[in-house]
């Protein structure tokens, strides 16, 4: 198909009912260079007023943020400031072991690969005045009856279960190693290196960047109005150095806190290292450019090829018994990235086997993703900022040929076919 036809295809996925989304933006690379971009729909709405979706519209990108946390981890490993096989306890300031497996160390690698034996529970982002130790302390308001530890039999280092808390702890470790707040350190290093004006704290975005911030939407009723779920600020920027908790499973636990007295190294979960980065699709293109060029971006070696190889290589692989696959969508996980077998249940292309490495994001109604096709110089990124149907509860949310949601299936199938034809 030519560009006009691709534009029509992606535009057909935008709508206010059924499997439509309020806004969408996509970006594709082939042979190491950008070959296609598209943006349409709305990024924000207020009554009868609408702000258009653009490639530089900024959103809370959900779990695509995880790769930035691992990028930072790898930068620190390259500098000799930590090792992926270090035990997390040495950085947290308290001994953290699974109570059923006290002799099995929990390492940075096991956190990044979701094999730590730790679980989310209901709440995994807690107030800045509270230490992450509270998750693991009986009697604490965040103990949740031990819900942050895996059931006995799911051995740390072996058993995989996707857990956002792992990345809140990695953010805390990054603070302990650097002595700086997680958000500030990233802005001064990996985000700066990649030419991103992104932030984890909406109140700290530069004015022009906040103006580009979009809202994520859901509907209580398919025929009813869109309801803002995250970053629905009505165009008024929050106060500087304030941030709301971000718990998708407990949206009533989302109070706003002042960050000025926060002590780095005690509780990085407040910044949501697993999903809280306010990023644009344009900036995800910078990541694609870096990954597809061996760690180089804008003439600078941001990461060594060996670091990227570790991220995009299997750290865990499902053997039929050793993990929770999230409905057969996660069968091989690296470090902040996962593998999609082009012939497997989570395949992204209906008509051809296309293998991919990357990560999706899904929270509060937002759907995002960044993937590369190994060895080809090709890849893509996308963002959609809402869903008119209930995930899982409405049968129309299920993919037609894969284990992905229909929204992901539609956009990734199109992008796979686009890059495969170039």
Protein backbone atom coordinates (compact mmCIF):
# COMPACT_ATOMS: atom_id res chain seq x y z
CA UNK A 1 0.00 0.00 0.00
CA UNK A 2 1.11 3.59 -0.59
CA UNK A 3 1.12 6.27 2.09
CA UNK A 4 -2.46 7.36 1.36
CA UNK A 5 -3.73 3.86 1.95
CA UNK A 6 -1.72 3.45 5.16
CA UNK A 7 -3.06 6.77 6.43
CA UNK A 8 -6.59 5.53 5.71
CA UNK A 9 -5.92 2.24 7.52
CA UNK A 10 -4.69 3.85 10.73
CA UNK A 11 -7.38 6.54 10.58
CA UNK A 12 -9.99 3.76 10.45
CA UNK A 13 -8.91 2.64 13.94
CA UNK A 14 -9.90 5.98 15.49
CA UNK A 15 -13.43 6.45 16.80
CA UNK A 16 -15.66 7.00 19.82
CA UNK A 17 -17.38 3.59 19.98
CA UNK A 18 -16.58 -0.09 19.54
CA UNK A 19 -12.87 -0.75 19.23
CA UNK A 20 -12.10 2.85 18.34
CA UNK A 21 -9.61 5.04 20.21
CA UNK A 22 -9.74 8.84 20.70
CA UNK A 23 -6.26 9.42 19.31
CA UNK A 24 -3.41 7.49 17.74
CA UNK A 25 0.15 8.13 16.59
CA UNK A 26 2.54 5.65 14.93
CA UNK A 27 6.12 5.72 13.70
CA UNK A 28 7.99 3.17 11.55
CA UNK A 29 11.65 2.60 10.69
CA UNK A 30 13.12 0.48 7.89
CA UNK A 31 16.79 0.00 6.99
CA UNK A 32 17.74 2.14 9.97
CA UNK A 33 15.78 5.26 9.04
CA UNK A 34 12.32 6.65 9.59
CA UNK A 35 9.97 5.79 6.71
CA UNK A 36 6.51 6.58 8.02
CA UNK A 37 4.68 8.61 10.65
CA UNK A 38 1.01 9.22 11.31
CA UNK A 39 -1.02 11.01 13.95
CA UNK A 40 -4.76 11.71 14.10
CA UNK A 41 -7.64 12.02 16.52
CA UNK A 42 -7.45 13.97 19.77
CA UNK A 43 -4.93 14.04 22.59
CA UNK A 44 -7.17 16.01 24.94
CA UNK A 45 -10.77 17.18 25.06
CA UNK A 46 -12.69 19.61 27.22
CA UNK A 47 -16.40 19.81 26.48
CA UNK A 48 -16.67 20.87 22.84
CA UNK A 49 -12.98 21.80 22.62
CA UNK A 50 -10.47 19.33 21.18
CA UNK A 51 -6.68 19.34 20.93
CA UNK A 52 -5.29 17.25 18.05
CA UNK A 53 -3.05 14.25 18.45
CA UNK A 54 0.44 14.88 17.03
CA UNK A 55 3.66 12.87 17.04
CA UNK A 56 5.00 15.19 19.74
CA UNK A 57 1.92 14.80 21.97
CA UNK A 58 3.09 13.62 25.38
CA UNK A 59 1.53 10.79 27.40
CA UNK A 60 2.13 8.67 30.44
CA UNK A 61 3.60 5.84 28.36
CA UNK A 62 2.90 3.02 30.82
CA UNK A 63 5.25 0.01 30.72
CA UNK A 64 7.30 1.26 27.77
CA UNK A 65 8.87 3.29 30.61
CA UNK A 66 10.49 0.09 31.88
CA UNK A 67 13.09 0.13 29.13
CA UNK A 68 14.26 3.58 30.27
CA UNK A 69 14.75 2.27 33.80
CA UNK A 70 16.86 -0.57 32.39
CA UNK A 71 18.74 1.84 30.09
CA UNK A 72 19.74 3.71 33.25
CA UNK A 73 20.67 0.48 35.00
CA UNK A 74 22.89 -0.50 32.07
CA UNK A 75 24.57 2.92 32.00
CA UNK A 76 25.47 2.48 35.67
CA UNK A 77 26.69 -1.07 35.03
CA UNK A 78 28.88 0.14 32.15
CA UNK A 79 30.40 2.73 34.51
CA UNK A 80 31.16 0.02 37.07
CA UNK A 81 28.82 1.49 39.68
CA UNK A 82 26.75 -1.68 40.01
CA UNK A 83 26.44 -5.20 38.61
CA UNK A 84 23.24 -6.83 37.45
CA UNK A 85 24.01 -9.79 39.69
CA UNK A 86 24.37 -7.68 42.82
CA UNK A 87 21.93 -8.50 45.58
CA UNK A 88 19.28 -5.81 45.94
CA UNK A 89 19.61 -5.82 49.75
CA UNK A 90 22.99 -4.10 49.61
CA UNK A 91 21.38 -1.03 48.04
CA UNK A 92 18.03 -0.94 49.86
CA UNK A 93 19.57 -0.79 53.32
CA UNK A 94 17.62 -3.78 54.63
CA UNK A 95 17.71 -7.53 53.99
CA UNK A 96 15.16 -8.53 51.37
CA UNK A 97 14.64 -12.24 50.86
CA UNK A 98 11.53 -14.27 50.12
CA UNK A 99 10.44 -15.75 53.48
CA UNK A 100 10.01 -19.20 51.90
CA UNK A 101 13.46 -18.99 50.26
CA UNK A 102 15.71 -17.13 52.70
CA UNK A 103 18.88 -18.53 51.12
CA UNK A 104 18.05 -17.29 47.57
CA UNK A 105 19.38 -13.78 46.87
CA UNK A 106 17.12 -11.33 45.03
CA UNK A 107 19.32 -9.66 42.42
CA UNK A 108 18.99 -6.63 40.17
CA UNK A 109 18.83 -9.01 37.21
CA UNK A 110 15.94 -10.92 38.76
CA UNK A 111 14.07 -7.65 39.34
CA UNK A 112 14.60 -6.50 35.76
CA UNK A 113 13.54 -9.90 34.36
CA UNK A 114 10.54 -10.36 36.70
CA UNK A 115 11.97 -13.50 38.29
CA UNK A 116 12.51 -11.97 41.75
CA UNK A 117 9.70 -13.74 43.57
CA UNK A 118 8.08 -10.38 44.36
CA UNK A 119 4.51 -9.47 43.46
CA UNK A 120 2.52 -6.26 43.03
CA UNK A 121 -0.29 -6.81 45.47
CA UNK A 122 -3.00 -4.19 45.10
CA UNK A 123 -0.80 -1.12 45.70
CA UNK A 124 2.76 -0.76 44.44
CA UNK A 125 3.23 3.03 44.49
CA UNK A 126 3.31 4.47 48.02
CA UNK A 127 3.77 7.93 49.60
CA UNK A 128 7.23 9.51 49.44
CA UNK A 129 7.59 9.60 53.24
CA UNK A 130 7.32 5.79 53.44
CA UNK A 131 10.22 3.39 52.81
CA UNK A 132 9.82 0.53 50.35
CA UNK A 133 10.56 -1.67 53.34
CA UNK A 134 6.88 -1.18 54.25
CA UNK A 135 5.85 -3.55 51.43
CA UNK A 136 7.66 -6.39 53.19
CA UNK A 137 7.01 -5.60 56.88
CA UNK A 138 4.17 -7.40 58.65
CA UNK A 139 1.79 -4.92 60.25
CA UNK A 140 2.62 -2.15 57.80
CA UNK A 141 -0.33 -0.52 55.98
CA UNK A 142 1.30 -1.77 52.73
CA UNK A 143 2.03 -5.33 53.86
CA UNK A 144 -1.27 -6.60 52.36
CA UNK A 145 -1.00 -9.87 54.21
CA UNK A 146 2.24 -10.77 52.47
CA UNK A 147 0.82 -10.23 48.97
CA UNK A 148 4.11 -8.77 47.75
CA UNK A 149 5.77 -12.19 48.00
CA UNK A 150 5.05 -15.05 45.59
CA UNK A 151 3.31 -18.17 46.87
CA UNK A 152 5.61 -20.94 48.01
CA UNK A 153 6.67 -23.07 45.07
CA UNK A 154 7.36 -20.12 42.78
CA UNK A 155 11.11 -20.04 43.33
CA UNK A 156 12.93 -16.69 42.99
CA UNK A 157 15.36 -16.65 40.07
CA UNK A 158 13.38 -19.35 38.26
CA UNK A 159 9.67 -18.48 38.26
CA UNK A 160 8.48 -15.52 36.15
CA UNK A 161 5.58 -13.26 37.10
CA UNK A 162 5.31 -9.77 35.67
CA UNK A 163 5.46 -7.35 38.61
CA UNK A 164 5.61 -3.56 38.49
CA UNK A 165 6.98 -3.45 42.02
CA UNK A 166 10.24 -4.91 40.67
CA UNK A 167 10.82 -1.67 38.79
CA UNK A 168 9.87 0.54 41.73
CA UNK A 169 12.68 -1.21 43.60
CA UNK A 170 15.07 -0.72 40.66
CA UNK A 171 14.26 2.99 40.74
CA UNK A 172 15.08 3.00 44.47
CA UNK A 173 18.39 1.22 43.78
CA UNK A 174 19.29 3.77 41.08
CA UNK A 175 18.74 6.51 43.66
CA UNK A 176 20.86 4.70 46.27
CA UNK A 177 23.73 4.29 43.80
CA UNK A 178 23.65 7.83 42.40
CA UNK A 179 22.50 9.77 45.47
CA UNK A 180 19.97 11.55 43.24
CA UNK A 181 16.25 11.38 42.82
CA UNK A 182 15.22 8.88 40.14
CA UNK A 183 13.46 11.42 37.92
CA UNK A 184 16.26 13.99 38.15
CA UNK A 185 18.98 11.46 37.43
CA UNK A 186 17.21 10.18 34.32
CA UNK A 187 16.65 13.71 33.03
CA UNK A 188 20.35 14.49 33.42
CA UNK A 189 21.51 11.26 31.75
CA UNK A 190 19.51 8.85 29.56
CA UNK A 191 16.74 11.31 28.70
CA UNK A 192 19.23 14.07 27.93
CA UNK A 193 21.35 11.65 25.89
CA UNK A 194 18.30 10.73 23.82
CA UNK A 195 17.14 14.29 23.30
CA UNK A 196 13.96 13.75 25.34
CA UNK A 197 12.24 16.54 27.29
CA UNK A 198 10.26 13.93 29.16
CA UNK A 199 9.51 13.85 32.87
CA UNK A 200 7.93 11.66 35.53
CA UNK A 201 6.50 14.70 37.33
CA UNK A 202 3.91 16.58 35.19
CA UNK A 203 4.30 19.70 37.34
CA UNK A 204 8.00 19.82 36.47
CA UNK A 205 7.57 19.70 32.69
CA UNK A 206 8.65 22.82 30.85
CA UNK A 207 5.61 24.94 29.95
CA UNK A 208 5.60 24.14 26.20
CA UNK A 209 6.02 20.44 26.96
CA UNK A 210 3.16 20.44 29.46
CA UNK A 211 0.97 22.05 26.80
CA UNK A 212 1.58 18.95 24.66
CA UNK A 213 0.53 16.58 27.46
CA UNK A 214 -2.41 14.40 26.51
CA UNK A 215 -5.07 12.74 28.66
CA UNK A 216 -5.82 9.03 28.80
CA UNK A 217 -9.49 8.06 28.50
CA UNK A 218 -11.94 5.25 29.16
CA UNK A 219 -15.72 5.00 28.92
CA UNK A 220 -18.15 3.84 31.58
CA UNK A 221 -20.68 3.35 28.79
CA UNK A 222 -19.67 2.77 25.19
CA UNK A 223 -22.21 5.34 24.00
CA UNK A 224 -21.39 7.80 26.75
CA UNK A 225 -18.68 10.47 26.97
CA UNK A 226 -14.97 9.83 27.33
CA UNK A 227 -13.78 9.94 30.96
CA UNK A 228 -10.25 11.10 31.75
CA UNK A 229 -8.34 8.55 33.86
CA UNK A 230 -4.81 9.99 34.11
CA UNK A 231 -3.33 13.45 33.45
CA UNK A 232 -6.78 15.01 33.10
CA UNK A 233 -5.57 18.42 34.27
CA UNK A 234 -7.90 20.57 32.18
CA UNK A 235 -4.92 22.46 30.81
CA UNK A 236 -3.81 23.67 34.27
CA UNK A 237 -0.34 22.45 35.20
CA UNK A 238 -0.01 20.91 38.68
CA UNK A 239 2.23 22.60 41.19
CA UNK A 240 5.95 22.04 40.74
CA UNK A 241 7.39 19.22 42.85
CA UNK A 242 4.06 17.50 43.46
CA UNK A 243 3.06 14.06 42.23
CA UNK A 244 0.07 11.74 42.59
CA UNK A 245 0.44 8.05 43.37
CA UNK A 246 -0.15 5.88 40.31
CA UNK A 247 -1.85 2.57 41.12
CA UNK A 248 -3.94 1.24 38.21
CA UNK A 249 -5.33 -1.57 40.38
CA UNK A 250 -6.34 0.85 43.14
CA UNK A 251 -7.23 4.14 41.53
CA UNK A 252 -8.74 5.36 44.80
CA UNK A 253 -5.20 5.33 46.23
CA UNK A 254 -3.88 8.17 44.10
CA UNK A 255 -3.44 11.11 46.47
CA UNK A 256 -1.03 13.92 45.55
CA UNK A 257 2.13 14.48 47.59
CA UNK A 258 4.81 17.13 47.92
CA UNK A 259 8.23 15.86 46.84
CA UNK A 260 10.44 18.56 48.35
CA UNK A 261 11.35 16.58 51.49
CA UNK A 262 11.77 13.23 49.73
CA UNK A 263 14.97 11.34 50.56
CA UNK A 264 16.47 9.59 47.49
CA UNK A 265 17.10 5.90 47.95
CA UNK A 266 14.10 5.26 50.21
CA UNK A 267 11.09 4.87 47.88
CA UNK A 268 11.43 5.25 44.11
CA UNK A 269 7.92 3.85 43.65
CA UNK A 270 6.47 7.36 43.95
CA UNK A 271 7.87 8.13 40.46
CA UNK A 272 6.48 4.94 38.87
CA UNK A 273 9.72 3.76 37.19
CA UNK A 274 7.60 0.96 35.71
CA UNK A 275 5.21 3.22 33.82
CA UNK A 276 5.22 6.91 34.77
CA UNK A 277 7.36 8.53 32.08
CA UNK A 278 5.54 11.31 30.19
CA UNK A 279 7.00 10.80 26.75
CA UNK A 280 6.09 11.56 23.14
CA UNK A 281 6.04 9.26 20.14
CA UNK A 282 8.63 11.54 18.54
CA UNK A 283 10.94 10.75 21.48
CA UNK A 284 10.25 7.03 21.16
CA UNK A 285 11.61 7.47 17.65
CA UNK A 286 14.89 8.58 19.22
CA UNK A 287 14.96 5.28 21.12
CA UNK A 288 14.31 3.32 17.94
CA UNK A 289 17.13 5.22 16.25
CA UNK A 290 19.51 4.44 19.10
CA UNK A 291 18.62 0.74 19.34
CA UNK A 292 18.80 0.23 15.57
CA UNK A 293 22.24 1.87 15.42
CA UNK A 294 24.07 -0.15 18.06
CA UNK A 295 23.48 2.24 20.94
CA UNK A 296 24.42 5.46 19.09
CA UNK A 297 22.16 8.48 18.87
CA UNK A 298 22.95 11.91 17.43
CA UNK A 299 26.65 11.04 17.19
CA UNK A 300 26.95 9.85 20.80
CA UNK A 301 27.40 6.30 22.08
CA UNK A 302 24.53 6.24 24.57
CA UNK A 303 24.79 2.53 25.41
CA UNK A 304 27.28 -0.13 24.45
CA UNK A 305 26.09 -2.83 22.02
CA UNK A 306 26.75 -5.42 24.74
CA UNK A 307 24.22 -3.71 27.02
CA UNK A 308 21.56 -3.71 24.33
CA UNK A 309 22.34 -7.35 23.55
CA UNK A 310 21.72 -8.26 27.19
CA UNK A 311 18.44 -6.36 27.24
CA UNK A 312 17.21 -7.94 24.01
CA UNK A 313 18.25 -11.50 24.91
CA UNK A 314 16.39 -14.15 26.84
CA UNK A 315 16.81 -14.03 30.62
CA UNK A 316 13.80 -16.28 31.13
CA UNK A 317 11.90 -18.59 28.78
CA UNK A 318 8.63 -20.39 29.52
CA UNK A 319 9.03 -24.16 29.78
CA UNK A 320 5.39 -24.92 30.45
CA UNK A 321 5.66 -24.67 34.24
CA UNK A 322 8.02 -21.87 35.30
CA UNK A 323 5.88 -18.76 35.11
CA UNK A 324 2.72 -16.80 34.51
CA UNK A 325 2.60 -15.87 30.81
CA UNK A 326 -0.14 -13.20 31.05
CA UNK A 327 -2.43 -15.12 28.77
CA UNK A 328 0.39 -16.45 26.55
CA UNK A 329 1.64 -12.96 25.66
CA UNK A 330 4.92 -13.24 27.60
CA UNK A 331 6.89 -16.38 26.78
CA UNK A 332 10.44 -14.99 26.66
CA UNK A 333 11.63 -12.01 28.71
CA UNK A 334 14.92 -10.14 28.63
CA UNK A 335 15.70 -7.02 30.65
CA UNK A 336 12.89 -4.52 30.21
CA UNK A 337 12.10 -6.11 26.82
CA UNK A 338 10.34 -9.27 25.66
CA UNK A 339 10.41 -11.46 22.57
CA UNK A 340 7.42 -12.01 20.30
CA UNK A 341 7.65 -15.18 18.23
CA UNK A 342 6.15 -14.48 14.82
CA UNK A 343 4.49 -17.91 14.88
CA UNK A 344 3.46 -17.84 18.53
CA UNK A 345 0.19 -16.98 20.27
CA UNK A 346 1.16 -13.30 20.71
CA UNK A 347 2.23 -12.86 17.09
CA UNK A 348 1.77 -9.33 15.79
CA UNK A 349 1.18 -9.96 12.08
CA UNK A 350 -1.78 -11.88 10.73
CA UNK A 351 -0.28 -12.93 7.38
CA UNK A 352 3.45 -13.44 7.96
CA UNK A 353 5.80 -14.67 10.71
CA UNK A 354 7.62 -11.57 11.96
CA UNK A 355 9.77 -11.92 15.09
CA UNK A 356 10.04 -8.85 17.32
CA UNK A 357 11.75 -7.64 20.50
CA UNK A 358 10.38 -4.75 22.51
CA UNK A 359 7.76 -3.84 25.08
CA UNK A 360 4.12 -2.83 25.26
CA UNK A 361 2.49 -0.41 27.68
CA UNK A 362 -1.06 -0.72 29.00
CA UNK A 363 -2.52 1.27 31.89
CA UNK A 364 -5.52 3.49 32.65
CA UNK A 365 -6.72 2.98 29.06
CA UNK A 366 -3.48 3.89 27.29
CA UNK A 367 -1.84 1.42 24.91
CA UNK A 368 1.71 1.93 23.68
CA UNK A 369 4.57 -0.08 22.27
CA UNK A 370 8.07 -0.04 20.83
CA UNK A 371 9.45 -3.02 18.89
CA UNK A 372 12.39 -3.82 16.64
CA UNK A 373 12.72 -6.61 14.11
CA UNK A 374 16.11 -8.17 14.88
CA UNK A 375 18.76 -7.96 12.20
CA UNK A 376 16.74 -5.86 9.76
CA UNK A 377 17.13 -2.23 10.83
CA UNK A 378 13.33 -2.11 11.13
CA UNK A 379 11.02 -1.28 13.99
CA UNK A 380 8.02 0.72 15.07
CA UNK A 381 6.38 2.58 17.94
CA UNK A 382 2.81 3.57 18.65
CA UNK A 383 0.53 5.19 21.22
CA UNK A 384 -3.27 5.12 21.62
CA UNK A 385 -4.85 7.15 24.41
CA UNK A 386 -8.09 5.41 25.23
CA UNK A 387 -10.53 2.52 24.93
CA UNK A 388 -14.28 2.69 24.45
CA UNK A 389 -14.71 -0.94 25.55
CA UNK A 390 -13.84 -2.69 28.80
CA UNK A 391 -10.71 -4.83 28.55
CA UNK A 392 -11.48 -8.52 29.10
CA UNK A 393 -15.08 -7.87 30.21
CA UNK A 394 -16.21 -7.10 26.65
CA UNK A 395 -15.49 -9.95 24.19
CA UNK A 396 -14.74 -7.41 21.45
CA UNK A 397 -11.57 -6.44 23.32
CA UNK A 398 -9.95 -9.79 22.46
CA UNK A 399 -7.67 -10.12 19.46
CA UNK A 400 -8.98 -12.07 16.47
CA UNK A 401 -5.80 -13.98 15.61
CA UNK A 402 -3.56 -13.51 18.66
CA UNK A 403 -3.52 -13.27 22.46
CA UNK A 404 -3.15 -9.48 22.26
CA UNK A 405 -5.95 -7.00 22.80
CA UNK A 406 -7.77 -6.01 19.61
CA UNK A 407 -6.37 -2.48 19.72
CA UNK A 408 -2.80 -3.78 19.89
CA UNK A 409 -3.51 -6.40 17.27
CA UNK A 410 -4.91 -3.86 14.80
CA UNK A 411 -2.10 -1.34 15.08
CA UNK A 412 0.77 -3.84 15.24
CA UNK A 413 -0.54 -5.91 12.35
CA UNK A 414 -0.61 -2.76 10.22
CA UNK A 415 2.87 -1.67 11.28
CA UNK A 416 4.33 -5.14 10.71
CA UNK A 417 2.89 -5.27 7.22
CA UNK A 418 4.14 -1.74 6.55
CA UNK A 419 7.78 -2.40 7.53
CA UNK A 420 7.74 -5.82 5.85
CA UNK A 421 6.78 -4.23 2.55
CA UNK A 422 9.66 -1.74 2.54
